[in-house]
Amino acid sequence: MYIFMIGHVDAGKSTLSGHLIYKCGGVDKRTMEQYEQQSAQIGKGNFAWVMDNLKSERERGITIDCSLMRFDIDRYDVTIIDAPGHKDFIKNMITGSSQADCAVLVVSSVKGEFEAGIDRKGSTREHALLAYTLGPTIDFRSQQDGRRKDNQLLRVTFQ
């Protein structure tokens, strides 16, 4: 099963993907500790580093190209496809969507970020349309305060 993670830039797609992969056993604890040490040196979140492998992605804190990571759960082989959310990299996001079986639309519910994403110049509208065309979609609303703590990802609704 290929799960496509999409949403506006800084909505928490890579963080959610990395956390999910870690919790499902796709990344071992030792690797996560290394990511934590490396990311602390430049002041970035460590769960996003599971998916953001390029040096420029880690330094800038944004996803530039689609990245894939596979892990196994019970009866399924799952592959997470983490897509860029920045409007400059929409072509990369659309390319990644061709492999997807379903989508997770990640929407930040932080005041100001939600409005920026849903605005005419934001990319959430385009991502929602793409998710609709893919078929089954999970709408994930990440509720975070301004400090961006990984453990504050809150609510999932199925649609």
Protein backbone atom coordinates (compact mmCIF):
# COMPACT_ATOMS: atom_id res chain seq x y z
CA MET A 1 0.00 0.00 0.00
CA TYR A 2 1.39 3.39 -1.02
CA ILE A 3 0.28 6.25 1.24
CA PHE A 4 0.84 9.75 -0.11
CA MET A 5 1.41 12.52 2.47
CA ILE A 6 0.39 15.93 1.10
CA GLY A 7 -0.37 19.39 2.46
CA HIS A 8 0.75 23.00 2.61
CA VAL A 9 4.38 23.78 3.43
CA ASP A 10 5.10 23.48 7.20
CA ALA A 11 1.90 21.56 7.92
CA GLY A 12 3.90 18.72 9.48
CA LYS A 13 3.92 16.10 6.70
CA SER A 14 7.51 14.93 7.15
CA THR A 15 7.24 15.00 10.93
CA LEU A 16 4.03 12.97 10.85
CA SER A 17 5.52 10.52 8.33
CA GLY A 18 8.72 10.06 10.32
CA HIS A 19 6.85 9.63 13.60
CA LEU A 20 4.49 7.07 12.04
CA ILE A 21 7.37 5.11 10.53
CA TYR A 22 9.27 5.15 13.84
CA LYS A 23 6.21 4.00 15.84
CA CYS A 24 5.60 1.16 13.35
CA GLY A 25 9.19 -0.05 13.62
CA GLY A 26 10.47 1.21 10.27
CA VAL A 27 13.35 3.07 11.95
CA ASP A 28 15.29 1.74 14.91
CA LYS A 29 15.87 3.63 18.15
CA ARG A 30 19.60 4.03 17.55
CA THR A 31 19.01 5.78 14.21
CA MET A 32 16.45 8.08 15.82
CA GLU A 33 18.95 9.00 18.52
CA GLN A 34 21.48 9.92 15.81
CA TYR A 35 18.85 12.06 14.03
CA GLU A 36 18.04 13.74 17.34
CA GLN A 37 21.67 14.65 18.01
CA GLN A 38 22.28 15.90 14.46
CA SER A 39 19.06 17.88 14.27
CA ALA A 40 19.65 19.48 17.70
CA GLN A 41 22.90 20.94 16.39
CA ILE A 42 21.05 22.99 13.77
CA GLY A 43 17.79 23.44 15.71
CA LYS A 44 15.47 21.32 13.52
CA GLY A 45 12.95 18.58 14.31
CA ASN A 46 14.26 15.04 14.33
CA PHE A 47 11.24 13.03 13.09
CA ALA A 48 11.25 14.91 9.78
CA TRP A 49 14.80 13.66 9.18
CA VAL A 50 13.46 10.13 8.66
CA MET A 51 12.01 11.32 5.34
CA ASP A 52 14.11 14.38 4.48
CA ASN A 53 17.43 12.82 3.49
CA LEU A 54 18.98 15.57 1.39
CA LYS A 55 21.36 17.94 3.13
CA SER A 56 19.57 20.97 1.67
CA GLU A 57 16.20 19.66 2.94
CA ARG A 58 17.55 19.25 6.45
CA GLU A 59 19.20 22.67 6.50
CA ARG A 60 16.20 24.53 5.06
CA GLY A 61 13.61 22.51 6.95
CA ILE A 62 11.45 21.85 3.87
CA THR A 63 10.90 18.85 1.62
CA ILE A 64 12.17 19.43 -1.90
CA ASP A 65 11.63 16.06 -3.60
CA CYS A 66 9.31 13.14 -2.89
CA SER A 67 10.88 10.54 -0.65
CA LEU A 68 9.71 6.99 -0.03
CA MET A 69 10.15 4.72 2.94
CA ARG A 70 8.82 1.19 3.29
CA PHE A 71 7.91 -0.71 6.44
CA ASP A 72 5.79 -3.75 7.33
CA ILE A 73 2.73 -3.97 9.55
CA ASP A 74 0.67 -7.12 10.13
CA ARG A 75 -0.69 -8.03 6.69
CA TYR A 76 0.58 -5.05 4.71
CA ASP A 77 3.74 -3.72 3.18
CA VAL A 78 3.35 0.04 3.57
CA THR A 79 5.27 2.68 1.69
CA ILE A 80 4.99 6.29 2.80
CA ILE A 81 5.51 8.87 0.07
CA ASP A 82 6.36 12.24 1.60
CA ALA A 83 5.62 15.07 -0.83
CA PRO A 84 6.90 18.64 -0.86
CA GLY A 85 4.36 21.29 0.13
CA HIS A 86 6.08 24.40 -1.17
CA LYS A 87 4.55 25.82 -4.35
CA ASP A 88 7.97 25.84 -6.08
CA PHE A 89 8.06 22.04 -5.88
CA ILE A 90 4.49 21.19 -6.98
CA LYS A 91 5.80 19.29 -10.02
CA ASN A 92 7.70 16.95 -7.70
CA MET A 93 4.54 16.45 -5.64
CA ILE A 94 2.44 15.58 -8.71
CA THR A 95 5.07 13.11 -9.91
CA GLY A 96 4.94 11.31 -6.54
CA SER A 97 1.16 11.08 -6.65
CA SER A 98 1.27 8.68 -9.60
CA GLN A 99 2.42 5.88 -7.27
CA ALA A 100 -0.17 6.43 -4.52
CA ASP A 101 -3.04 4.17 -3.48
CA CYS A 102 -4.46 6.72 -1.04
CA ALA A 103 -3.60 10.12 0.39
CA VAL A 104 -3.27 11.76 3.78
CA LEU A 105 -3.99 15.47 3.55
CA VAL A 106 -2.16 17.16 6.43
CA VAL A 107 -3.63 20.53 7.38
CA SER A 108 -2.22 22.73 10.13
CA SER A 109 -4.85 24.08 12.48
CA VAL A 110 -2.55 26.74 13.91
CA LYS A 111 -4.08 30.18 13.51
CA GLY A 112 -2.52 31.87 10.50
CA GLU A 113 -1.06 28.69 9.01
CA PHE A 114 -4.46 27.23 8.14
CA GLU A 115 -5.51 30.51 6.51
CA ALA A 116 -2.24 30.70 4.53
CA GLY A 117 -2.73 27.17 3.23
CA ILE A 118 -6.37 27.58 2.22
CA ASP A 119 -5.85 31.06 0.71
CA ARG A 120 -5.94 31.37 -3.09
CA LYS A 121 -2.14 31.55 -3.13
CA GLY A 122 -1.79 28.64 -0.69
CA SER A 123 -1.38 25.08 -1.87
CA THR A 124 -3.90 23.30 0.37
CA ARG A 125 -6.68 23.76 -2.22
CA GLU A 126 -4.57 22.15 -4.95
CA HIS A 127 -3.57 19.34 -2.62
CA ALA A 128 -7.19 18.70 -1.63
CA LEU A 129 -8.17 18.44 -5.30
CA LEU A 130 -5.32 16.02 -5.94
CA ALA A 131 -6.27 13.96 -2.88
CA TYR A 132 -9.87 13.82 -4.10
CA THR A 133 -8.75 12.44 -7.47
CA LEU A 134 -6.64 9.75 -5.78
CA GLY A 135 -9.64 8.26 -4.02
CA PRO A 136 -9.54 7.27 -0.33
CA THR A 137 -8.27 10.19 1.73
CA ILE A 138 -7.50 10.69 5.41
CA ASP A 139 -7.76 14.30 6.51
CA PHE A 140 -5.21 14.87 9.28
CA ARG A 141 -5.29 18.15 11.19
CA SER A 142 -2.10 18.78 13.08
CA GLN A 143 -2.71 21.03 16.06
CA GLN A 144 0.55 22.49 17.19
CA ASP A 145 1.52 25.56 19.11
CA GLY A 146 4.24 27.90 17.87
CA ARG A 147 6.99 25.75 19.36
CA ARG A 148 6.39 22.84 16.95
CA LYS A 149 6.71 19.93 19.34
CA ASP A 150 6.43 16.56 17.61
CA ASN A 151 4.21 15.09 20.31
CA GLN A 152 1.44 17.63 19.75
CA LEU A 153 0.05 16.02 16.60
CA LEU A 154 -3.52 15.59 17.65
CA ARG A 155 -6.53 14.53 15.63
CA VAL A 156 -7.35 12.35 12.66
CA THR A 157 -10.69 12.32 10.86
CA PHE A 158 -11.63 9.78 8.21
CA GLN A 159 -13.54 10.95 5.15
